[in-house]
Amino acid sequence: MGWNNLQIKGDSKLLKGVRNNSWVYFVHSYRTVPRNHKIVVATSDYGVSVPAVIEKNNLIGVQFHPEKSGDVGAVMIRNFIEMCDNEAK
């Protein structure tokens, strides 16, 4: 729990404009282990690699709270709104 950085592993619509090693705010102390590791676009290190962002097509999951992650989170929220707007067209 608390602030930790993201290691961006792949292309992501949500993370467009977010720099590798940007800090975000984590509140939960659990992790997922996806069957398909190709959907993991960012991780964080908590002694083990924790999938922090998963993304496949228009499905996105984050382990942290973008709304509590300052300017970096605001970039993600804007990207998410843009993605939703593009889907609605």
PDB file of N, CA and C in Angstrom:
ATOM      1  N   MET A   1       0.845  -1.172   0.000  1.00  0.00           N
ATOM      2  CA  MET A   1       0.000   0.000   0.000  1.00  0.00           C
ATOM      3  C   MET A   1       0.889   1.234   0.000  1.00  0.00           C
ATOM      4  N   GLY A   2       0.399   2.288  -0.625  1.00  0.00           N
ATOM      5  CA  GLY A   2       1.143   3.530  -0.713  1.00  0.00           C
ATOM      6  C   GLY A   2       1.627   3.797  -2.124  1.00  0.00           C
ATOM      7  N   TRP A   3       2.563   4.707  -2.256  1.00  0.00           N
ATOM      8  CA  TRP A   3       3.089   5.104  -3.558  1.00  0.00           C
ATOM      9  C   TRP A   3       4.112   4.099  -4.056  1.00  0.00           C
ATOM     10  N   ASN A   4       4.019   3.796  -5.343  1.00  0.00           N
ATOM     11  CA  ASN A   4       5.008   2.938  -5.985  1.00  0.00           C
ATOM     12  C   ASN A   4       5.035   3.304  -7.469  1.00  0.00           C
ATOM     13  N   ASN A   5       6.106   2.934  -8.123  1.00  0.00           N
ATOM     14  CA  ASN A   5       6.241   3.322  -9.533  1.00  0.00           C
ATOM     15  C   ASN A   5       5.794   2.209 -10.471  1.00  0.00           C
ATOM     16  N   LEU A   6       5.492   2.621 -11.692  1.00  0.00           N
ATOM     17  CA  LEU A   6       5.058   1.711 -12.743  1.00  0.00           C
ATOM     18  C   LEU A   6       6.219   1.402 -13.667  1.00  0.00           C
ATOM     19  N   GLN A   7       6.409   0.144 -13.971  1.00  0.00           N
ATOM     20  CA  GLN A   7       7.336  -0.253 -15.016  1.00  0.00           C
ATOM     21  C   GLN A   7       6.468  -0.598 -16.226  1.00  0.00           C
ATOM     22  N   ILE A   8       6.472   0.294 -17.204  1.00  0.00           N
ATOM     23  CA  ILE A   8       5.633   0.111 -18.386  1.00  0.00           C
ATOM     24  C   ILE A   8       6.281  -0.933 -19.285  1.00  0.00           C
ATOM     25  N   LYS A   9       5.493  -1.954 -19.628  1.00  0.00           N
ATOM     26  CA  LYS A   9       6.007  -3.112 -20.360  1.00  0.00           C
ATOM     27  C   LYS A   9       5.577  -3.155 -21.817  1.00  0.00           C
ATOM     28  N   GLY A  10       4.555  -2.385 -22.182  1.00  0.00           N
ATOM     29  CA  GLY A  10       4.056  -2.468 -23.542  1.00  0.00           C
ATOM     30  C   GLY A  10       3.184  -1.287 -23.900  1.00  0.00           C
ATOM     31  N   ASP A  11       2.705  -1.295 -25.134  1.00  0.00           N
ATOM     32  CA  ASP A  11       1.831  -0.225 -25.609  1.00  0.00           C
ATOM     33  C   ASP A  11       0.521  -0.254 -24.842  1.00  0.00           C
ATOM     34  N   SER A  12       0.016   0.942 -24.553  1.00  0.00           N
ATOM     35  CA  SER A  12      -1.218   1.037 -23.780  1.00  0.00           C
ATOM     36  C   SER A  12      -1.936   2.323 -24.125  1.00  0.00           C
ATOM     37  N   LYS A  13      -3.225   2.206 -24.414  1.00  0.00           N
ATOM     38  CA  LYS A  13      -4.038   3.406 -24.633  1.00  0.00           C
ATOM     39  C   LYS A  13      -4.186   4.190 -23.341  1.00  0.00           C
ATOM     40  N   LEU A  14      -4.337   3.485 -22.230  1.00  0.00           N
ATOM     41  CA  LEU A  14      -4.520   4.154 -20.942  1.00  0.00           C
ATOM     42  C   LEU A  14      -3.278   4.921 -20.523  1.00  0.00           C
ATOM     43  N   LEU A  15      -2.102   4.377 -20.817  1.00  0.00           N
ATOM     44  CA  LEU A  15      -0.850   4.976 -20.349  1.00  0.00           C
ATOM     45  C   LEU A  15      -0.204   5.919 -21.361  1.00  0.00           C
ATOM     46  N   LYS A  16      -0.930   6.261 -22.421  1.00  0.00           N
ATOM     47  CA  LYS A  16      -0.384   7.192 -23.423  1.00  0.00           C
ATOM     48  C   LYS A  16       0.009   8.499 -22.727  1.00  0.00           C
ATOM     49  N   GLY A  17       1.265   8.894 -22.852  1.00  0.00           N
ATOM     50  CA  GLY A  17       1.752  10.128 -22.239  1.00  0.00           C
ATOM     51  C   GLY A  17       2.254   9.957 -20.813  1.00  0.00           C
ATOM     52  N   VAL A  18       2.177   8.747 -20.269  1.00  0.00           N
ATOM     53  CA  VAL A  18       2.690   8.463 -18.920  1.00  0.00           C
ATOM     54  C   VAL A  18       4.112   7.928 -19.064  1.00  0.00           C
ATOM     55  N   ARG A  19       5.018   8.499 -18.334  1.00  0.00           N
ATOM     56  CA  ARG A  19       6.421   8.083 -18.409  1.00  0.00           C
ATOM     57  C   ARG A  19       6.673   6.818 -17.592  1.00  0.00           C
ATOM     58  N   ASN A  20       7.571   5.998 -18.099  1.00  0.00           N
ATOM     59  CA  ASN A  20       8.017   4.835 -17.346  1.00  0.00           C
ATOM     60  C   ASN A  20       8.543   5.289 -15.985  1.00  0.00           C
ATOM     61  N   ASN A  21       8.291   4.515 -14.960  1.00  0.00           N
ATOM     62  CA  ASN A  21       8.690   4.787 -13.574  1.00  0.00           C
ATOM     63  C   ASN A  21       7.886   5.900 -12.914  1.00  0.00           C
ATOM     64  N   SER A  22       6.759   6.291 -13.517  1.00  0.00           N
ATOM     65  CA  SER A  22       5.871   7.263 -12.866  1.00  0.00           C
ATOM     66  C   SER A  22       5.280   6.646 -11.601  1.00  0.00           C
ATOM     67  N   TRP A  23       5.062   7.490 -10.602  1.00  0.00           N
ATOM     68  CA  TRP A  23       4.556   7.030  -9.313  1.00  0.00           C
ATOM     69  C   TRP A  23       3.038   7.138  -9.275  1.00  0.00           C
ATOM     70  N   VAL A  24       2.394   6.094  -8.729  1.00  0.00           N
ATOM     71  CA  VAL A  24       0.940   6.055  -8.569  1.00  0.00           C
ATOM     72  C   VAL A  24       0.627   5.544  -7.165  1.00  0.00           C
ATOM     73  N   TYR A  25      -0.632   5.725  -6.745  1.00  0.00           N
ATOM     74  CA  TYR A  25      -1.019   5.407  -5.378  1.00  0.00           C
ATOM     75  C   TYR A  25      -1.792   4.093  -5.299  1.00  0.00           C
ATOM     76  N   PHE A  26      -1.209   3.118  -4.607  1.00  0.00           N
ATOM     77  CA  PHE A  26      -1.820   1.811  -4.397  1.00  0.00           C
ATOM     78  C   PHE A  26      -2.492   1.776  -3.032  1.00  0.00           C
ATOM     79  N   VAL A  27      -3.676   1.194  -2.967  1.00  0.00           N
ATOM     80  CA  VAL A  27      -4.389   1.081  -1.690  1.00  0.00           C
ATOM     81  C   VAL A  27      -4.602  -0.379  -1.309  1.00  0.00           C
ATOM     82  N   HIS A  28      -4.564  -1.274  -2.278  1.00  0.00           N
ATOM     83  CA  HIS A  28      -4.866  -2.679  -2.005  1.00  0.00           C
ATOM     84  C   HIS A  28      -3.591  -3.498  -1.853  1.00  0.00           C
ATOM     85  N   SER A  29      -3.696  -4.574  -1.127  1.00  0.00           N
ATOM     86  CA  SER A  29      -2.516  -5.409  -0.888  1.00  0.00           C
ATOM     87  C   SER A  29      -2.684  -6.803  -1.486  1.00  0.00           C
ATOM     88  N   TYR A  30      -3.371  -6.885  -2.604  1.00  0.00           N
ATOM     89  CA  TYR A  30      -3.510  -8.172  -3.289  1.00  0.00           C
ATOM     90  C   TYR A  30      -3.049  -8.016  -4.731  1.00  0.00           C
ATOM     91  N   ARG A  31      -2.905  -9.133  -5.419  1.00  0.00           N
ATOM     92  CA  ARG A  31      -2.474  -9.077  -6.815  1.00  0.00           C
ATOM     93  C   ARG A  31      -3.171 -10.168  -7.614  1.00  0.00           C
ATOM     94  N   THR A  32      -3.195  -9.978  -8.901  1.00  0.00           N
ATOM     95  CA  THR A  32      -3.747 -10.966  -9.817  1.00  0.00           C
ATOM     96  C   THR A  32      -2.607 -11.637 -10.562  1.00  0.00           C
ATOM     97  N   VAL A  33      -2.865 -12.820 -11.047  1.00  0.00           N
ATOM     98  CA  VAL A  33      -1.905 -13.518 -11.892  1.00  0.00           C
ATOM     99  C   VAL A  33      -2.658 -13.915 -13.158  1.00  0.00           C
ATOM    100  N   PRO A  34      -2.600 -13.055 -14.190  1.00  0.00           N
ATOM    101  CA  PRO A  34      -3.345 -13.354 -15.420  1.00  0.00           C
ATOM    102  C   PRO A  34      -2.803 -14.589 -16.136  1.00  0.00           C
ATOM    103  N   ARG A  35      -3.710 -15.332 -16.736  1.00  0.00           N
ATOM    104  CA  ARG A  35      -3.290 -16.494 -17.537  1.00  0.00           C
ATOM    105  C   ARG A  35      -2.487 -16.052 -18.751  1.00  0.00           C
ATOM    106  N   ASN A  36      -2.903 -14.936 -19.350  1.00  0.00           N
ATOM    107  CA  ASN A  36      -2.233 -14.402 -20.536  1.00  0.00           C
ATOM    108  C   ASN A  36      -1.399 -13.191 -20.109  1.00  0.00           C
ATOM    109  N   HIS A  37      -0.112 -13.372 -19.998  1.00  0.00           N
ATOM    110  CA  HIS A  37       0.765 -12.293 -19.529  1.00  0.00           C
ATOM    111  C   HIS A  37       0.939 -11.180 -20.553  1.00  0.00           C
ATOM    112  N   LYS A  38       0.483 -11.417 -21.783  1.00  0.00           N
ATOM    113  CA  LYS A  38       0.580 -10.388 -22.816  1.00  0.00           C
ATOM    114  C   LYS A  38      -0.337  -9.204 -22.526  1.00  0.00           C
ATOM    115  N   ILE A  39      -1.334  -9.387 -21.683  1.00  0.00           N
ATOM    116  CA  ILE A  39      -2.247  -8.286 -21.365  1.00  0.00           C
ATOM    117  C   ILE A  39      -1.694  -7.358 -20.289  1.00  0.00           C
ATOM    118  N   VAL A  40      -0.589  -7.737 -19.647  1.00  0.00           N
ATOM    119  CA  VAL A  40       0.029  -6.902 -18.606  1.00  0.00           C
ATOM    120  C   VAL A  40       0.856  -5.827 -19.299  1.00  0.00           C
ATOM    121  N   VAL A  41       0.430  -4.575 -19.168  1.00  0.00           N
ATOM    122  CA  VAL A  41       1.153  -3.481 -19.826  1.00  0.00           C
ATOM    123  C   VAL A  41       2.001  -2.675 -18.848  1.00  0.00           C
ATOM    124  N   ALA A  42       1.801  -2.893 -17.539  1.00  0.00           N
ATOM    125  CA  ALA A  42       2.651  -2.237 -16.541  1.00  0.00           C
ATOM    126  C   ALA A  42       2.649  -3.073 -15.265  1.00  0.00           C
ATOM    127  N   THR A  43       3.778  -3.049 -14.587  1.00  0.00           N
ATOM    128  CA  THR A  43       3.919  -3.765 -13.322  1.00  0.00           C
ATOM    129  C   THR A  43       4.477  -2.820 -12.264  1.00  0.00           C
ATOM    130  N   SER A  44       4.434  -3.269 -11.023  1.00  0.00           N
ATOM    131  CA  SER A  44       5.114  -2.604  -9.915  1.00  0.00           C
ATOM    132  C   SER A  44       5.832  -3.671  -9.111  1.00  0.00           C
ATOM    133  N   ASP A  45       6.898  -3.276  -8.463  1.00  0.00           N
ATOM    134  CA  ASP A  45       7.704  -4.227  -7.700  1.00  0.00           C
ATOM    135  C   ASP A  45       7.386  -4.097  -6.212  1.00  0.00           C
ATOM    136  N   TYR A  46       6.900  -5.179  -5.637  1.00  0.00           N
ATOM    137  CA  TYR A  46       6.659  -5.271  -4.197  1.00  0.00           C
ATOM    138  C   TYR A  46       7.398  -6.493  -3.647  1.00  0.00           C
ATOM    139  N   GLY A  47       8.623  -6.697  -4.112  1.00  0.00           N
ATOM    140  CA  GLY A  47       9.357  -7.903  -3.779  1.00  0.00           C
ATOM    141  C   GLY A  47       9.044  -9.003  -4.774  1.00  0.00           C
ATOM    142  N   VAL A  48       7.894  -8.907  -5.403  1.00  0.00           N
ATOM    143  CA  VAL A  48       7.472  -9.709  -6.550  1.00  0.00           C
ATOM    144  C   VAL A  48       6.883  -8.743  -7.557  1.00  0.00           C
ATOM    145  N   SER A  49       6.881  -9.130  -8.800  1.00  0.00           N
ATOM    146  CA  SER A  49       6.306  -8.282  -9.843  1.00  0.00           C
ATOM    147  C   SER A  49       4.782  -8.375  -9.779  1.00  0.00           C
ATOM    148  N   VAL A  50       4.139  -7.253  -9.549  1.00  0.00           N
ATOM    149  CA  VAL A  50       2.682  -7.189  -9.439  1.00  0.00           C
ATOM    150  C   VAL A  50       2.123  -6.558 -10.706  1.00  0.00           C
ATOM    151  N   PRO A  51       1.208  -7.236 -11.404  1.00  0.00           N
ATOM    152  CA  PRO A  51       0.556  -6.594 -12.550  1.00  0.00           C
ATOM    153  C   PRO A  51      -0.197  -5.350 -12.080  1.00  0.00           C
ATOM    154  N   ALA A  52       0.202  -4.197 -12.573  1.00  0.00           N
ATOM    155  CA  ALA A  52      -0.414  -2.941 -12.145  1.00  0.00           C
ATOM    156  C   ALA A  52      -1.452  -2.447 -13.136  1.00  0.00           C
ATOM    157  N   VAL A  53      -1.244  -2.728 -14.425  1.00  0.00           N
ATOM    158  CA  VAL A  53      -2.207  -2.357 -15.470  1.00  0.00           C
ATOM    159  C   VAL A  53      -2.325  -3.530 -16.434  1.00  0.00           C
ATOM    160  N   ILE A  54      -3.563  -3.959 -16.643  1.00  0.00           N
ATOM    161  CA  ILE A  54      -3.822  -4.935 -17.689  1.00  0.00           C
ATOM    162  C   ILE A  54      -4.750  -4.295 -18.704  1.00  0.00           C
ATOM    163  N   GLU A  55      -4.548  -4.641 -19.958  1.00  0.00           N
ATOM    164  CA  GLU A  55      -5.332  -4.014 -21.024  1.00  0.00           C
ATOM    165  C   GLU A  55      -5.472  -4.993 -22.183  1.00  0.00           C
ATOM    166  N   LYS A  56      -6.709  -5.182 -22.598  1.00  0.00           N
ATOM    167  CA  LYS A  56      -6.990  -5.986 -23.786  1.00  0.00           C
ATOM    168  C   LYS A  56      -8.186  -5.359 -24.481  1.00  0.00           C
ATOM    169  N   ASN A  57      -7.946  -4.870 -25.691  1.00  0.00           N
ATOM    170  CA  ASN A  57      -8.978  -4.173 -26.457  1.00  0.00           C
ATOM    171  C   ASN A  57      -9.550  -3.031 -25.613  1.00  0.00           C
ATOM    172  N   ASN A  58     -10.848  -3.064 -25.319  1.00  0.00           N
ATOM    173  CA  ASN A  58     -11.436  -1.968 -24.550  1.00  0.00           C
ATOM    174  C   ASN A  58     -11.616  -2.322 -23.072  1.00  0.00           C
ATOM    175  N   LEU A  59     -10.980  -3.398 -22.603  1.00  0.00           N
ATOM    176  CA  LEU A  59     -11.035  -3.785 -21.198  1.00  0.00           C
ATOM    177  C   LEU A  59      -9.729  -3.390 -20.512  1.00  0.00           C
ATOM    178  N   ILE A  60      -9.861  -2.694 -19.380  1.00  0.00           N
ATOM    179  CA  ILE A  60      -8.694  -2.198 -18.657  1.00  0.00           C
ATOM    180  C   ILE A  60      -8.893  -2.467 -17.171  1.00  0.00           C
ATOM    181  N   GLY A  61      -7.829  -2.879 -16.511  1.00  0.00           N
ATOM    182  CA  GLY A  61      -7.846  -3.015 -15.059  1.00  0.00           C
ATOM    183  C   GLY A  61      -6.584  -2.421 -14.483  1.00  0.00           C
ATOM    184  N   VAL A  62      -6.728  -1.718 -13.374  1.00  0.00           N
ATOM    185  CA  VAL A  62      -5.563  -1.150 -12.691  1.00  0.00           C
ATOM    186  C   VAL A  62      -5.590  -1.580 -11.230  1.00  0.00           C
ATOM    187  N   GLN A  63      -4.432  -1.790 -10.652  1.00  0.00           N
ATOM    188  CA  GLN A  63      -4.312  -2.210  -9.263  1.00  0.00           C
ATOM    189  C   GLN A  63      -4.246  -1.013  -8.320  1.00  0.00           C
ATOM    190  N   PHE A  64      -4.038   0.151  -8.843  1.00  0.00           N
ATOM    191  CA  PHE A  64      -3.867   1.383  -8.064  1.00  0.00           C
ATOM    192  C   PHE A  64      -5.067   2.293  -8.292  1.00  0.00           C
ATOM    193  N   HIS A  65      -5.053   3.445  -7.670  1.00  0.00           N
ATOM    194  CA  HIS A  65      -6.137   4.416  -7.807  1.00  0.00           C
ATOM    195  C   HIS A  65      -5.666   5.615  -8.632  1.00  0.00           C
ATOM    196  N   PRO A  66      -6.057   5.682  -9.919  1.00  0.00           N
ATOM    197  CA  PRO A  66      -5.659   6.836 -10.728  1.00  0.00           C
ATOM    198  C   PRO A  66      -6.144   8.160 -10.128  1.00  0.00           C
ATOM    199  N   GLU A  67      -7.339   8.165  -9.563  1.00  0.00           N
ATOM    200  CA  GLU A  67      -7.899   9.411  -9.026  1.00  0.00           C
ATOM    201  C   GLU A  67      -7.135   9.925  -7.807  1.00  0.00           C
ATOM    202  N   LYS A  68      -6.294   9.096  -7.210  1.00  0.00           N
ATOM    203  CA  LYS A  68      -5.475   9.501  -6.063  1.00  0.00           C
ATOM    204  C   LYS A  68      -4.007   9.647  -6.445  1.00  0.00           C
ATOM    205  N   SER A  69      -3.720   9.559  -7.748  1.00  0.00           N
ATOM    206  CA  SER A  69      -2.342   9.513  -8.224  1.00  0.00           C
ATOM    207  C   SER A  69      -1.877  10.812  -8.864  1.00  0.00           C
ATOM    208  N   GLY A  70      -2.447  11.933  -8.473  1.00  0.00           N
ATOM    209  CA  GLY A  70      -1.977  13.243  -8.902  1.00  0.00           C
ATOM    210  C   GLY A  70      -2.034  13.454 -10.404  1.00  0.00           C
ATOM    211  N   ASP A  71      -1.041  14.168 -10.918  1.00  0.00           N
ATOM    212  CA  ASP A  71      -0.994  14.516 -12.344  1.00  0.00           C
ATOM    213  C   ASP A  71      -0.907  13.287 -13.243  1.00  0.00           C
ATOM    214  N   VAL A  72      -0.184  12.268 -12.805  1.00  0.00           N
ATOM    215  CA  VAL A  72      -0.064  11.037 -13.597  1.00  0.00           C
ATOM    216  C   VAL A  72      -1.433  10.378 -13.728  1.00  0.00           C
ATOM    217  N   GLY A  73      -2.162  10.315 -12.635  1.00  0.00           N
ATOM    218  CA  GLY A  73      -3.505   9.747 -12.670  1.00  0.00           C
ATOM    219  C   GLY A  73      -4.444  10.555 -13.538  1.00  0.00           C
ATOM    220  N   ALA A  74      -4.286  11.875 -13.518  1.00  0.00           N
ATOM    221  CA  ALA A  74      -5.136  12.738 -14.346  1.00  0.00           C
ATOM    222  C   ALA A  74      -4.922  12.446 -15.831  1.00  0.00           C
ATOM    223  N   VAL A  75      -3.696  12.156 -16.224  1.00  0.00           N
ATOM    224  CA  VAL A  75      -3.409  11.783 -17.621  1.00  0.00           C
ATOM    225  C   VAL A  75      -4.172  10.506 -17.967  1.00  0.00           C
ATOM    226  N   MET A  76      -4.132   9.524 -17.068  1.00  0.00           N
ATOM    227  CA  MET A  76      -4.834   8.262 -17.317  1.00  0.00           C
ATOM    228  C   MET A  76      -6.346   8.467 -17.397  1.00  0.00           C
ATOM    229  N   ILE A  77      -6.879   9.287 -16.541  1.00  0.00           N
ATOM    230  CA  ILE A  77      -8.325   9.548 -16.563  1.00  0.00           C
ATOM    231  C   ILE A  77      -8.718  10.226 -17.866  1.00  0.00           C
ATOM    232  N   ARG A  78      -7.921  11.197 -18.325  1.00  0.00           N
ATOM    233  CA  ARG A  78      -8.195  11.838 -19.619  1.00  0.00           C
ATOM    234  C   ARG A  78      -8.131  10.824 -20.747  1.00  0.00           C
ATOM    235  N   ASN A  79      -7.122   9.944 -20.714  1.00  0.00           N
ATOM    236  CA  ASN A  79      -7.007   8.900 -21.735  1.00  0.00           C
ATOM    237  C   ASN A  79      -8.227   7.983 -21.709  1.00  0.00           C
ATOM    238  N   PHE A  80      -8.687   7.622 -20.525  1.00  0.00           N
ATOM    239  CA  PHE A  80      -9.843   6.748 -20.398  1.00  0.00           C
ATOM    240  C   PHE A  80     -11.098   7.412 -20.969  1.00  0.00           C
ATOM    241  N   ILE A  81     -11.286   8.675 -20.651  1.00  0.00           N
ATOM    242  CA  ILE A  81     -12.445   9.407 -21.189  1.00  0.00           C
ATOM    243  C   ILE A  81     -12.371   9.474 -22.711  1.00  0.00           C
ATOM    244  N   GLU A  82     -11.183   9.713 -23.239  1.00  0.00           N
ATOM    245  CA  GLU A  82     -11.006   9.739 -24.690  1.00  0.00           C
ATOM    246  C   GLU A  82     -11.323   8.377 -25.306  1.00  0.00           C
ATOM    247  N   MET A  83     -10.894   7.304 -24.656  1.00  0.00           N
ATOM    248  CA  MET A  83     -11.189   5.958 -25.147  1.00  0.00           C
ATOM    249  C   MET A  83     -12.689   5.701 -25.161  1.00  0.00           C
ATOM    250  N   CYS A  84     -13.374   6.118 -24.113  1.00  0.00           N
ATOM    251  CA  CYS A  84     -14.832   5.944 -24.048  1.00  0.00           C
ATOM    252  C   CYS A  84     -15.522   6.768 -25.122  1.00  0.00           C
ATOM    253  N   ASP A  85     -15.057   7.979 -25.319  1.00  0.00           N
ATOM    254  CA  ASP A  85     -15.632   8.851 -26.340  1.00  0.00           C
ATOM    255  C   ASP A  85     -15.444   8.240 -27.722  1.00  0.00           C
ATOM    256  N   ASN A  86     -14.272   7.683 -27.984  1.00  0.00           N
ATOM    257  CA  ASN A  86     -14.003   7.052 -29.283  1.00  0.00           C
ATOM    258  C   ASN A  86     -14.886   5.814 -29.496  1.00  0.00           C
ATOM    259  N   GLU A  87     -15.145   5.077 -28.450  1.00  0.00           N
ATOM    260  CA  GLU A  87     -16.018   3.884 -28.542  1.00  0.00           C
ATOM    261  C   GLU A  87     -17.460   4.287 -28.845  1.00  0.00           C
ATOM    262  N   ALA A  88     -17.869   5.444 -28.330  1.00  0.00           N
ATOM    263  CA  ALA A  88     -19.253   5.896 -28.498  1.00  0.00           C
ATOM    264  C   ALA A  88     -19.522   6.390 -29.918  1.00  0.00           C
ATOM    265  N   LYS A  89     -18.471   6.718 -30.652  1.00  0.00           N
ATOM    266  CA  LYS A  89     -18.657   7.266 -32.017  1.00  0.00           C
ATOM    267  C   LYS A  89     -18.956   6.203 -33.018  1.00  0.00           C
TER     268      LYS A  89
END
